[in-house]
Amino acid sequence: MNAEHNELDRSLHAAWGRLVGGMSPAAWMLAWSDWVLHFATQPGRNAQIALHQAPPPARLRAHDSRLGADEWTAWPFSMYREAFETTGHRLLEMVRGVPGVDRHHEQLVAFMVRQWLEMVSPANIFATNPQVLQRTAATCGVNLATGAALGVEDFARGALGLPPAGTEAFRPGHEVAITPGKVILRNELIELIQYAPTTSTVHAEPVLIVSAWIMKYYVLDLSPHNSLIRYLVAQGHTVFAVSWKNPGTADAQLGMDNYLRLGIRASLDAIEAVVHGRRVHAVGYCLGGTLMAIAAAAMARDHDDRLASLTLLAAQTDFTEPGEIGLFIDESQLAFLEDLMAHEGFLGAQQMAAAFQALRPGDLIWGAMVRTWLLGERAPMTDLMAWNADGTRMPYRMHADYLRSLFLDNALAEGHYLVDGKPVSLKDIDVPVFLLGTSTDHVAPWRSVYKFNLLSDTEVTFVLATGGHNAGIVSEPGHAHRSYRVLRRAGNGAYVPPDSFLCVSRDIEGSWWPCLQQWLAARSGPRRRPPAIGAPHRGLPPLCSAPGSYVLAR
């Protein structure tokens, strides 16, 4: 009977979760009730805020970047902007800093207020947006007719489950993910790709690239001009890359242990068969970096010395300050999400995409809608945008374990994350580490990434690159307006706080890719002839050409 009741509860929660986009109503209600009760007992503070009529400093205003255009300086639009920014500041001032309110609840309430402000911005309203009014007058309303047609197309694609318009111009294996290579290993979770050499000799140690399973791996192999994989191959590195399977209902019970065993360990075993006796430069991006750090700690604990170095790109190992994505993670939200995932078997790509869009609604939601539906323009599709729309699902057990163990419990940083039944410690890692954060990352804030320096005593080269979580990584040489900073810390060297790092480091113009490549080359042995593709005599024949089959699954 208890099992039946639990299943009934989960089914009800799952049905409700689909209606509310996977967000727990209890989490929001708890946050609001906490704020309301404490706010109501602070009449003096609230009166001071209400009576303070001086316009807020620009840095404290509820700012919509779209309101910075010259058109907004003319009356009455300047009045609309001033009223919006001043009112927004007052509201945010009211919800922040209320004594007694739980910090997480305060962040949730402030987030909801920001969502509302982004929605009611005068930039979103036909009658108060000077750019829309000017365009409408200039075209005699043609922009609105065009926008309506584009809106119908958008709704139709959404209803049919089709990707956004323009993505068909960036097909994996045709326009993107076209670096030549072969799949040499396929199991129930990954395809391992070995890329064909383009130089007569290669660095002795191969490179293994592990991307996050919440995205298709080819963010690191986009168009030929901005493919990190192609760049490393061209510099004489033997590159292997993990392409994760897009899981379905049957994969619900795949957990972090499976991702470690079938992803990292299986790849290292295969590389050992192809390049025997050579240690591996492991490169992990986002969650792939977190998993690679776990694997490296476990290998160090077990005296497995197959790693030559560890590179972590926008990857967190301490989750005490995970950034705005932490707004969606607490006990209430996770319990609700677990019921939804248990019923479906996975977390859908659309639900994850909606959460990330909510972090930047002005740019990703409202700004796009105004440009498309009111101005009658569709932003040109790019390879990075098309990749971003090519989402993946996440198995129930893996995602629940990941959120609970790492985000809620911070088990990896605190030394009680278990691998094979025994805890691992990042302090055991003794190979050189290349650690990269990006300056405007909303997913893995660079200060959170930087905390690896507190958790390990090994040699660390930290790089802070301009850009966000994805665009800061896809930052090829020649990309305009790119720069980075570097801090090198010797093994057992003194800790440098992040603010001190900003003071002592200097801005270096250009892409950080050559910095990584030179770092890898300096930790590699003499160049040699390229290895064969695969190892047929050891059960690893080439199975198909890159990018393989897993990346094509929707």
Protein backbone atom coordinates (compact mmCIF):
# COMPACT_ATOMS: atom_id res chain seq x y z
CA MET A 1 0.00 0.00 0.00
CA ASN A 2 2.84 2.41 0.82
CA ALA A 3 4.40 1.78 -2.58
CA GLU A 4 1.05 2.45 -4.23
CA HIS A 5 0.68 5.68 -2.30
CA ASN A 6 4.20 6.77 -3.20
CA GLU A 7 3.55 6.03 -6.86
CA LEU A 8 0.30 8.00 -6.71
CA ASP A 9 2.12 10.96 -5.14
CA ARG A 10 4.87 10.82 -7.73
CA SER A 11 2.37 10.66 -10.57
CA LEU A 12 0.53 13.69 -9.21
CA HIS A 13 3.77 15.61 -8.72
CA ALA A 14 4.93 14.68 -12.20
CA ALA A 15 1.65 15.87 -13.76
CA TRP A 16 1.85 19.13 -11.82
CA GLY A 17 5.53 19.50 -12.67
CA ARG A 18 4.80 19.37 -16.38
CA LEU A 19 2.32 22.22 -15.95
CA VAL A 20 4.69 24.45 -13.97
CA GLY A 21 7.85 23.69 -15.94
CA GLY A 22 9.38 21.42 -13.29
CA MET A 23 9.50 24.13 -10.62
CA SER A 24 8.35 23.27 -7.10
CA PRO A 25 5.46 25.52 -5.96
CA ALA A 26 6.39 24.73 -2.36
CA ALA A 27 9.89 26.16 -2.84
CA TRP A 28 8.53 29.46 -4.12
CA MET A 29 5.81 29.65 -1.45
CA LEU A 30 8.34 29.00 1.32
CA ALA A 31 10.56 31.78 0.00
CA TRP A 32 7.73 34.30 -0.25
CA SER A 33 6.27 33.44 3.14
CA ASP A 34 9.71 33.76 4.78
CA TRP A 35 10.18 37.18 3.19
CA VAL A 36 6.64 38.44 3.90
CA LEU A 37 6.74 37.49 7.58
CA HIS A 38 10.08 39.18 8.18
CA PHE A 39 9.31 42.16 5.96
CA ALA A 40 6.09 42.85 7.89
CA THR A 41 8.03 43.16 11.15
CA GLN A 42 10.41 45.83 9.80
CA PRO A 43 8.21 48.99 9.57
CA GLY A 44 11.08 51.36 10.27
CA ARG A 45 13.27 49.94 7.54
CA ASN A 46 10.41 49.83 5.06
CA ALA A 47 9.41 53.44 5.76
CA GLN A 48 12.98 54.57 5.19
CA ILE A 49 13.03 52.87 1.80
CA ALA A 50 9.66 54.30 0.85
CA LEU A 51 10.58 57.87 1.87
CA HIS A 52 14.00 57.85 0.23
CA GLN A 53 13.13 59.63 -3.04
CA ALA A 54 16.57 60.41 -4.42
CA PRO A 55 17.23 58.59 -7.70
CA PRO A 56 19.41 55.53 -7.14
CA PRO A 57 22.96 55.42 -8.45
CA ALA A 58 23.20 53.93 -11.94
CA ARG A 59 24.94 50.81 -10.63
CA LEU A 60 21.96 50.04 -8.36
CA ARG A 61 19.19 50.60 -10.90
CA ALA A 62 17.05 47.77 -12.27
CA HIS A 63 18.80 48.10 -15.60
CA ASP A 64 17.65 46.70 -18.92
CA SER A 65 20.60 46.96 -21.30
CA ARG A 66 18.20 47.57 -24.18
CA LEU A 67 17.26 50.93 -22.62
CA GLY A 68 20.73 52.31 -23.24
CA ALA A 69 20.13 53.14 -26.92
CA ASP A 70 20.01 56.80 -27.98
CA GLU A 71 16.29 56.59 -28.73
CA TRP A 72 15.55 56.28 -25.03
CA THR A 73 17.01 59.73 -24.23
CA ALA A 74 14.10 61.61 -25.85
CA TRP A 75 10.88 62.43 -24.01
CA PRO A 76 8.59 60.61 -23.15
CA PHE A 77 10.75 57.51 -23.47
CA SER A 78 13.33 58.89 -21.06
CA MET A 79 10.50 59.22 -18.54
CA TYR A 80 9.47 55.61 -19.06
CA ARG A 81 13.05 54.48 -18.57
CA GLU A 82 13.58 56.53 -15.43
CA ALA A 83 10.31 55.33 -13.90
CA PHE A 84 11.12 51.71 -14.68
CA GLU A 85 14.67 51.83 -13.33
CA THR A 86 13.74 53.74 -10.18
CA THR A 87 10.75 51.53 -9.39
CA GLY A 88 12.79 48.42 -10.05
CA HIS A 89 15.51 49.62 -7.71
CA ARG A 90 12.95 50.27 -4.97
CA LEU A 91 11.48 46.80 -5.34
CA LEU A 92 14.87 45.08 -5.27
CA GLU A 93 15.89 47.19 -2.27
CA MET A 94 12.74 46.04 -0.47
CA VAL A 95 13.33 42.33 -1.00
CA ARG A 96 17.06 42.34 -0.26
CA GLY A 97 18.69 42.65 3.11
CA VAL A 98 15.59 41.97 5.23
CA PRO A 99 16.92 40.78 8.63
CA GLY A 100 16.02 37.19 9.42
CA VAL A 101 15.23 36.02 5.89
CA ASP A 102 17.05 32.86 4.81
CA ARG A 103 19.68 33.76 2.23
CA HIS A 104 18.42 31.23 -0.33
CA HIS A 105 14.84 32.47 0.14
CA GLU A 106 15.98 36.06 -0.37
CA GLN A 107 17.72 35.08 -3.59
CA LEU A 108 14.59 33.31 -4.82
CA VAL A 109 12.35 36.29 -4.07
CA ALA A 110 14.81 38.70 -5.71
CA PHE A 111 14.97 36.38 -8.72
CA MET A 112 11.17 36.42 -9.07
CA VAL A 113 11.12 40.21 -8.79
CA ARG A 114 13.78 40.45 -11.50
CA GLN A 115 11.73 38.12 -13.70
CA TRP A 116 8.73 40.40 -13.31
CA LEU A 117 10.80 43.50 -14.01
CA GLU A 118 12.26 41.95 -17.15
CA MET A 119 8.72 41.17 -18.31
CA VAL A 120 7.26 44.67 -17.74
CA SER A 121 10.25 46.59 -19.11
CA PRO A 122 9.10 49.39 -21.44
CA ALA A 123 11.35 47.80 -24.07
CA ASN A 124 8.83 44.94 -24.32
CA ILE A 125 5.74 47.07 -24.95
CA PHE A 126 4.76 48.33 -28.39
CA ALA A 127 3.52 51.73 -27.21
CA THR A 128 6.58 52.53 -25.06
CA ASN A 129 9.41 51.25 -27.26
CA PRO A 130 10.70 54.05 -29.53
CA GLN A 131 12.57 51.66 -31.82
CA VAL A 132 9.43 49.63 -32.50
CA LEU A 133 7.34 52.77 -33.06
CA GLN A 134 9.90 54.20 -35.47
CA ARG A 135 10.14 50.92 -37.38
CA THR A 136 6.36 50.66 -37.61
CA ALA A 137 6.05 54.21 -38.94
CA ALA A 138 8.88 53.71 -41.43
CA THR A 139 7.47 50.45 -42.83
CA CYS A 140 3.77 51.30 -42.53
CA GLY A 141 3.34 48.33 -40.23
CA VAL A 142 5.07 45.76 -42.43
CA ASN A 143 7.33 44.85 -39.48
CA LEU A 144 4.28 43.79 -37.46
CA ALA A 145 2.95 41.64 -40.28
CA THR A 146 6.37 40.05 -40.72
CA GLY A 147 6.65 39.55 -36.97
CA ALA A 148 3.25 37.89 -36.83
CA ALA A 149 4.29 35.44 -39.54
CA LEU A 150 7.52 34.68 -37.73
CA GLY A 151 5.58 34.20 -34.48
CA VAL A 152 3.26 31.69 -36.13
CA GLU A 153 6.30 29.79 -37.40
CA ASP A 154 7.87 29.81 -33.92
CA PHE A 155 4.71 28.49 -32.27
CA ALA A 156 4.28 25.81 -34.91
CA ARG A 157 7.86 24.60 -34.50
CA GLY A 158 7.45 24.53 -30.73
CA ALA A 159 4.19 22.57 -30.95
CA LEU A 160 5.77 20.03 -33.29
CA GLY A 161 8.93 19.71 -31.19
CA LEU A 162 11.11 21.09 -33.99
CA PRO A 163 14.31 23.07 -33.38
CA PRO A 164 14.38 26.83 -34.03
CA ALA A 165 14.40 28.11 -37.59
CA GLY A 166 17.86 28.17 -39.11
CA THR A 167 19.35 25.26 -37.18
CA GLU A 168 19.08 23.09 -40.28
CA ALA A 169 22.08 24.98 -41.66
CA PHE A 170 24.31 23.53 -38.92
CA ARG A 171 24.04 19.75 -39.09
CA PRO A 172 26.54 17.61 -37.14
CA GLY A 173 28.72 15.78 -39.61
CA HIS A 174 27.96 18.23 -42.42
CA GLU A 175 28.51 21.86 -41.41
CA VAL A 176 29.62 21.35 -37.80
CA ALA A 177 31.48 18.50 -36.06
CA ILE A 178 33.38 17.71 -39.23
CA THR A 179 36.92 17.22 -37.95
CA PRO A 180 37.99 13.89 -39.51
CA GLY A 181 38.14 10.93 -37.17
CA LYS A 182 36.72 7.51 -36.33
CA VAL A 183 34.61 6.09 -33.55
CA ILE A 184 36.79 3.38 -32.02
CA LEU A 185 34.63 2.46 -29.02
CA ARG A 186 30.90 2.32 -28.46
CA ASN A 187 29.19 1.17 -25.27
CA GLU A 188 25.77 1.83 -23.75
CA LEU A 189 26.77 5.37 -22.73
CA ILE A 190 29.51 6.76 -24.99
CA GLU A 191 31.17 6.73 -28.35
CA LEU A 192 34.90 7.43 -28.18
CA ILE A 193 36.21 9.33 -31.21
CA GLN A 194 39.87 9.29 -32.24
CA TYR A 195 40.73 12.13 -34.59
CA ALA A 196 42.95 11.68 -37.61
CA PRO A 197 46.37 13.37 -37.40
CA THR A 198 47.18 16.25 -39.73
CA THR A 199 50.88 16.57 -38.85
CA SER A 200 53.76 14.23 -39.67
CA THR A 201 54.67 13.92 -35.99
CA VAL A 202 52.61 14.30 -32.83
CA HIS A 203 53.23 14.96 -29.16
CA ALA A 204 53.77 11.70 -27.34
CA GLU A 205 50.94 12.08 -24.81
CA PRO A 206 47.38 11.96 -26.21
CA VAL A 207 44.58 14.31 -25.17
CA LEU A 208 41.21 13.04 -23.92
CA ILE A 209 38.38 15.60 -24.09
CA VAL A 210 35.32 15.00 -21.90
CA SER A 211 32.43 17.41 -22.36
CA ALA A 212 29.30 17.65 -20.24
CA TRP A 213 26.49 15.19 -20.87
CA ILE A 214 23.91 17.98 -20.63
CA MET A 215 25.14 19.16 -24.03
CA LYS A 216 26.29 17.59 -27.28
CA TYR A 217 30.07 17.25 -27.34
CA TYR A 218 30.52 19.18 -30.59
CA VAL A 219 30.52 22.56 -28.84
CA LEU A 220 34.26 21.81 -28.88
CA ASP A 221 34.12 20.89 -32.59
CA LEU A 222 31.84 23.49 -34.14
CA SER A 223 32.74 25.02 -37.49
CA PRO A 224 36.27 24.39 -38.74
CA HIS A 225 37.43 27.90 -37.80
CA ASN A 226 36.31 27.67 -34.15
CA SER A 227 36.83 24.00 -33.33
CA LEU A 228 39.08 23.49 -30.30
CA ILE A 229 39.48 19.84 -31.29
CA ARG A 230 40.61 20.72 -34.81
CA TYR A 231 42.98 23.34 -33.40
CA LEU A 232 44.68 20.86 -31.05
CA VAL A 233 44.98 18.27 -33.83
CA ALA A 234 46.59 20.89 -36.08
CA GLN A 235 49.13 21.62 -33.33
CA GLY A 236 50.25 18.00 -33.31
CA HIS A 237 48.15 16.48 -30.52
CA THR A 238 46.53 13.06 -30.76
CA VAL A 239 42.99 13.88 -29.66
CA PHE A 240 40.24 11.59 -28.38
CA ALA A 241 36.78 12.90 -27.48
CA VAL A 242 33.83 11.40 -25.61
CA SER A 243 30.45 11.71 -27.29
CA TRP A 244 27.74 10.93 -24.72
CA LYS A 245 24.58 9.05 -25.54
CA ASN A 246 21.34 11.03 -25.41
CA PRO A 247 19.53 8.87 -22.80
CA GLY A 248 15.90 7.81 -22.88
CA THR A 249 13.44 6.20 -20.50
CA ALA A 250 15.31 2.88 -20.55
CA ASP A 251 18.42 4.65 -19.19
CA ALA A 252 16.71 6.02 -16.06
CA GLN A 253 18.95 4.10 -13.65
CA LEU A 254 22.27 5.22 -15.09
CA GLY A 255 24.09 7.02 -12.29
CA MET A 256 27.30 8.92 -11.72
CA ASP A 257 29.08 5.62 -11.17
CA ASN A 258 28.06 4.53 -14.67
CA TYR A 259 29.29 7.79 -16.17
CA LEU A 260 32.60 7.28 -14.41
CA ARG A 261 32.97 3.63 -15.39
CA LEU A 262 31.54 3.65 -18.92
CA GLY A 263 32.73 7.16 -19.75
CA ILE A 264 36.09 7.99 -18.17
CA ARG A 265 37.50 4.57 -17.32
CA ALA A 266 36.40 2.92 -20.55
CA SER A 267 37.94 5.76 -22.55
CA LEU A 268 41.25 5.55 -20.68
CA ASP A 269 41.35 1.78 -21.23
CA ALA A 270 40.75 2.26 -24.95
CA ILE A 271 43.42 4.96 -25.24
CA GLU A 272 45.86 2.67 -23.43
CA ALA A 273 45.22 0.07 -26.11
CA VAL A 274 45.85 2.58 -28.93
CA VAL A 275 48.78 4.53 -27.43
CA HIS A 276 50.31 1.97 -25.13
CA GLY A 277 52.48 3.18 -22.28
CA ARG A 278 51.70 6.88 -22.70
CA ARG A 279 50.01 8.95 -20.05
CA VAL A 280 46.99 11.04 -20.99
CA HIS A 281 46.26 14.76 -20.86
CA ALA A 282 42.66 14.79 -19.57
CA VAL A 283 40.53 17.81 -20.50
CA GLY A 284 37.07 18.20 -18.94
CA TYR A 285 34.51 20.88 -19.74
CA CYS A 286 31.66 21.88 -17.41
CA LEU A 287 30.17 18.74 -15.79
CA GLY A 288 32.66 16.72 -17.80
CA GLY A 289 35.38 18.56 -15.88
CA THR A 290 33.72 17.83 -12.55
CA LEU A 291 33.52 14.14 -13.47
CA MET A 292 37.13 14.19 -14.67
CA ALA A 293 38.23 15.74 -11.36
CA ILE A 294 36.42 12.96 -9.49
CA ALA A 295 38.10 10.38 -11.70
CA ALA A 296 41.53 11.98 -11.21
CA ALA A 297 41.10 11.97 -7.43
CA ALA A 298 40.03 8.31 -7.48
CA MET A 299 42.97 7.40 -9.72
CA ALA A 300 45.40 9.17 -7.40
CA ARG A 301 43.88 7.38 -4.41
CA ASP A 302 44.25 4.02 -6.17
CA HIS A 303 47.81 4.74 -7.45
CA ASP A 304 46.68 4.77 -11.10
CA ASP A 305 49.25 7.00 -12.82
CA ARG A 306 47.81 7.10 -16.34
CA LEU A 307 47.17 10.87 -16.26
CA ALA A 308 49.87 13.31 -17.38
CA SER A 309 47.81 16.40 -16.54
CA LEU A 310 44.31 17.59 -15.79
CA THR A 311 42.56 20.50 -17.52
CA LEU A 312 39.28 21.81 -16.09
CA LEU A 313 37.35 24.23 -18.31
CA ALA A 314 34.55 26.13 -16.54
CA ALA A 315 34.18 23.19 -14.17
CA GLN A 316 33.23 23.46 -10.50
CA THR A 317 34.56 21.24 -7.74
CA ASP A 318 33.20 23.28 -4.83
CA PHE A 319 29.48 24.05 -4.99
CA THR A 320 29.01 26.43 -2.07
CA GLU A 321 28.64 29.31 -4.55
CA PRO A 322 27.33 27.66 -7.71
CA GLY A 323 25.93 30.82 -9.25
CA GLU A 324 22.37 31.61 -10.23
CA ILE A 325 21.63 28.02 -11.22
CA GLY A 326 21.67 27.31 -7.47
CA LEU A 327 18.36 29.18 -7.25
CA PHE A 328 16.69 26.06 -8.66
CA ILE A 329 18.33 23.64 -6.22
CA ASP A 330 17.13 23.07 -2.67
CA GLU A 331 15.51 20.18 -0.79
CA SER A 332 11.98 21.13 -1.83
CA GLN A 333 12.87 21.66 -5.46
CA LEU A 334 14.96 18.51 -5.66
CA ALA A 335 12.24 16.30 -4.13
CA PHE A 336 9.76 17.69 -6.64
CA LEU A 337 12.21 17.25 -9.51
CA GLU A 338 13.01 13.67 -8.47
CA ASP A 339 9.32 12.76 -8.69
CA LEU A 340 9.09 14.31 -12.14
CA MET A 341 12.23 12.54 -13.38
CA ALA A 342 11.22 9.20 -11.82
CA HIS A 343 7.95 9.30 -13.72
CA GLU A 344 9.56 10.24 -17.04
CA GLY A 345 12.86 8.42 -16.51
CA PHE A 346 14.83 11.54 -17.40
CA LEU A 347 14.89 15.33 -17.29
CA GLY A 348 13.97 16.71 -20.69
CA ALA A 349 16.18 19.08 -22.64
CA GLN A 350 13.41 21.69 -22.80
CA GLN A 351 13.15 21.87 -19.01
CA MET A 352 16.88 22.43 -18.64
CA ALA A 353 16.87 25.00 -21.44
CA ALA A 354 14.02 26.90 -19.76
CA ALA A 355 15.99 27.10 -16.52
CA PHE A 356 19.03 28.56 -18.28
CA GLN A 357 16.87 31.02 -20.24
CA ALA A 358 15.34 32.23 -16.98
CA LEU A 359 18.80 33.31 -15.81
CA ARG A 360 19.00 35.86 -18.66
CA PRO A 361 15.38 36.56 -19.66
CA GLY A 362 16.07 40.04 -21.03
CA ASP A 363 18.40 38.70 -23.72
CA LEU A 364 17.17 35.15 -24.24
CA ILE A 365 13.39 35.58 -23.92
CA TRP A 366 12.00 39.13 -24.08
CA GLY A 367 14.67 40.69 -26.25
CA ALA A 368 14.37 37.89 -28.78
CA MET A 369 10.58 38.18 -28.81
CA VAL A 370 10.65 41.95 -29.38
CA ARG A 371 13.20 41.68 -32.15
CA THR A 372 11.34 38.88 -33.90
CA TRP A 373 7.66 39.66 -33.32
CA LEU A 374 7.64 43.47 -33.11
CA LEU A 375 10.62 44.56 -35.19
CA GLY A 376 10.05 41.76 -37.68
CA GLU A 377 13.67 40.55 -37.69
CA ARG A 378 14.95 37.11 -37.01
CA ALA A 379 18.44 37.03 -35.53
CA PRO A 380 20.77 35.13 -37.86
CA MET A 381 21.43 31.62 -36.64
CA THR A 382 25.01 30.81 -35.68
CA ASP A 383 26.77 27.51 -35.11
CA LEU A 384 26.86 28.13 -31.34
CA MET A 385 23.14 29.00 -31.24
CA ALA A 386 22.27 25.91 -33.26
CA TRP A 387 24.35 23.71 -30.96
CA ASN A 388 22.65 25.28 -27.93
CA ALA A 389 19.27 24.29 -29.36
CA ASP A 390 20.44 20.69 -29.82
CA GLY A 391 19.79 19.68 -26.23
CA THR A 392 20.05 16.36 -24.43
CA ARG A 393 18.16 14.54 -21.71
CA MET A 394 19.56 13.49 -18.34
CA PRO A 395 18.86 10.13 -16.65
CA TYR A 396 16.86 10.25 -13.45
CA ARG A 397 19.40 8.60 -11.12
CA MET A 398 22.44 10.45 -12.45
CA HIS A 399 20.84 13.87 -12.26
CA ALA A 400 19.35 13.28 -8.81
CA ASP A 401 22.68 11.94 -7.49
CA TYR A 402 24.60 14.81 -9.03
CA LEU A 403 22.34 17.53 -7.62
CA ARG A 404 22.06 15.99 -4.19
CA SER A 405 25.67 14.85 -3.68
CA LEU A 406 27.49 17.75 -5.27
CA PHE A 407 25.18 20.77 -5.14
CA LEU A 408 23.33 20.16 -1.87
CA ASP A 409 25.91 18.19 0.12
CA ASN A 410 29.08 19.57 -1.53
CA ALA A 411 30.45 16.08 -0.99
CA LEU A 412 33.40 16.35 -3.38
CA ALA A 413 34.88 19.48 -1.79
CA GLU A 414 34.25 18.20 1.72
CA GLY A 415 35.90 14.82 1.10
CA HIS A 416 32.96 12.44 1.46
CA TYR A 417 32.10 11.77 -2.17
CA LEU A 418 32.29 8.01 -2.68
CA VAL A 419 33.85 6.23 -5.65
CA ASP A 420 33.76 2.43 -5.45
CA GLY A 421 32.51 2.73 -1.89
CA LYS A 422 35.45 4.83 -0.67
CA PRO A 423 35.74 8.63 -0.38
CA VAL A 424 37.97 10.61 -2.72
CA SER A 425 39.95 13.75 -1.97
CA LEU A 426 40.99 16.39 -4.50
CA LYS A 427 44.16 16.88 -2.41
CA ASP A 428 45.36 13.51 -3.69
CA ILE A 429 45.63 14.89 -7.24
CA ASP A 430 49.32 15.45 -7.93
CA VAL A 431 49.41 16.01 -11.70
CA PRO A 432 49.66 19.58 -13.08
CA VAL A 433 46.29 21.29 -13.46
CA PHE A 434 45.20 23.87 -16.04
CA LEU A 435 42.15 25.57 -14.54
CA LEU A 436 40.02 27.95 -16.61
CA GLY A 437 37.13 30.21 -15.68
CA THR A 438 35.22 32.66 -17.86
CA SER A 439 34.50 36.20 -16.71
CA THR A 440 30.71 36.36 -17.25
CA ASP A 441 29.84 32.72 -16.59
CA HIS A 442 26.32 32.32 -15.14
CA VAL A 443 26.60 28.52 -14.90
CA ALA A 444 30.04 28.05 -13.31
CA PRO A 445 31.10 31.47 -11.96
CA TRP A 446 34.83 31.91 -12.21
CA ARG A 447 35.23 32.55 -8.49
CA SER A 448 33.57 29.20 -7.84
CA VAL A 449 35.88 27.49 -10.36
CA TYR A 450 38.84 29.23 -8.69
CA LYS A 451 38.08 27.46 -5.40
CA PHE A 452 39.92 24.41 -6.73
CA ASN A 453 43.02 26.29 -5.53
CA LEU A 454 41.80 25.79 -1.96
CA LEU A 455 41.13 22.08 -2.47
CA SER A 456 44.40 20.93 -4.02
CA ASP A 457 48.11 21.42 -3.38
CA THR A 458 49.28 20.47 -6.85
CA GLU A 459 50.73 22.79 -9.49
CA VAL A 460 47.90 24.96 -10.87
CA THR A 461 47.83 27.35 -13.81
CA PHE A 462 44.66 29.41 -13.55
CA VAL A 463 43.35 31.30 -16.57
CA LEU A 464 40.48 33.79 -16.50
CA ALA A 465 39.15 34.33 -20.03
CA THR A 466 36.62 36.86 -21.24
CA GLY A 467 33.19 35.60 -22.25
CA GLY A 468 30.52 33.37 -20.84
CA HIS A 469 30.14 29.67 -20.13
CA ASN A 470 30.01 28.67 -23.80
CA ALA A 471 31.22 31.66 -25.82
CA GLY A 472 34.22 32.05 -23.54
CA ILE A 473 35.27 28.49 -24.37
CA VAL A 474 34.62 28.81 -28.11
CA SER A 475 37.23 31.56 -28.30
CA GLU A 476 39.49 30.74 -31.22
CA PRO A 477 42.60 32.73 -32.21
CA GLY A 478 41.51 35.78 -34.16
CA HIS A 479 38.21 36.11 -32.32
CA ALA A 480 37.60 39.80 -31.72
CA HIS A 481 37.49 41.33 -28.24
CA ARG A 482 39.01 38.34 -26.44
CA SER A 483 41.60 38.42 -23.68
CA TYR A 484 42.69 36.43 -20.63
CA ARG A 485 44.70 36.58 -17.41
CA VAL A 486 47.06 33.93 -16.02
CA LEU A 487 48.24 32.99 -12.54
CA ARG A 488 50.73 30.17 -12.05
CA ARG A 489 51.03 28.54 -8.63
CA ALA A 490 53.70 25.97 -7.88
CA GLY A 491 52.88 22.78 -6.02
CA ASN A 492 52.27 23.57 -2.34
CA GLY A 493 52.51 27.26 -3.21
CA ALA A 494 50.76 29.97 -1.22
CA TYR A 495 47.08 30.57 -1.93
CA VAL A 496 46.29 33.80 -3.79
CA PRO A 497 42.75 35.11 -3.14
CA PRO A 498 40.71 35.86 -6.28
CA ASP A 499 40.71 39.63 -5.73
CA SER A 500 44.49 39.56 -5.34
CA PHE A 501 44.73 37.53 -8.55
CA LEU A 502 42.88 40.32 -10.39
CA CYS A 503 45.34 42.85 -9.00
CA VAL A 504 48.57 40.99 -9.77
CA SER A 505 47.66 39.53 -13.15
CA ARG A 506 47.66 41.46 -16.41
CA ASP A 507 45.25 41.36 -19.31
CA ILE A 508 46.64 39.48 -22.33
CA GLU A 509 44.97 40.19 -25.67
CA GLY A 510 43.79 37.27 -27.77
CA SER A 511 42.58 33.72 -27.38
CA TRP A 512 43.53 31.48 -24.46
CA TRP A 513 43.75 28.44 -26.77
CA PRO A 514 47.48 28.90 -27.54
CA CYS A 515 48.13 29.21 -23.80
CA LEU A 516 46.52 25.80 -23.22
CA GLN A 517 48.27 24.23 -26.20
CA GLN A 518 51.68 25.46 -25.11
CA TRP A 519 50.98 24.28 -21.57
CA LEU A 520 50.12 20.80 -22.85
CA ALA A 521 53.15 20.69 -25.15
CA ALA A 522 55.49 21.68 -22.31
CA ARG A 523 54.24 18.66 -20.35
CA SER A 524 54.57 16.20 -23.21
CA GLY A 525 57.43 14.01 -24.32
CA PRO A 526 59.33 14.16 -27.62
CA ARG A 527 57.23 14.12 -30.77
CA ARG A 528 56.78 10.82 -32.56
CA ARG A 529 54.94 9.27 -35.49
CA PRO A 530 51.13 9.39 -35.13
CA PRO A 531 49.52 6.23 -33.75
CA ALA A 532 47.18 4.13 -35.85
CA ILE A 533 43.45 4.83 -35.67
CA GLY A 534 41.99 2.33 -33.25
CA ALA A 535 43.52 -0.99 -32.25
CA PRO A 536 41.79 -3.79 -34.20
CA HIS A 537 44.13 -6.44 -32.77
CA ARG A 538 42.94 -5.42 -29.29
CA GLY A 539 39.25 -5.35 -30.07
CA LEU A 540 39.01 -1.67 -31.01
CA PRO A 541 38.49 -1.48 -34.77
CA PRO A 542 37.20 1.77 -36.28
CA LEU A 543 33.40 1.49 -36.19
CA CYS A 544 32.31 4.51 -38.22
CA SER A 545 33.40 8.00 -39.13
CA ALA A 546 33.13 10.94 -36.75
CA PRO A 547 30.93 12.40 -35.39
CA GLY A 548 29.38 8.97 -34.87
CA SER A 549 25.74 8.06 -34.23
CA TYR A 550 25.08 9.11 -30.62
CA VAL A 551 25.43 12.81 -31.39
CA LEU A 552 22.67 12.58 -34.01
CA ALA A 553 20.02 11.21 -31.64
CA ARG A 554 17.30 13.65 -30.59
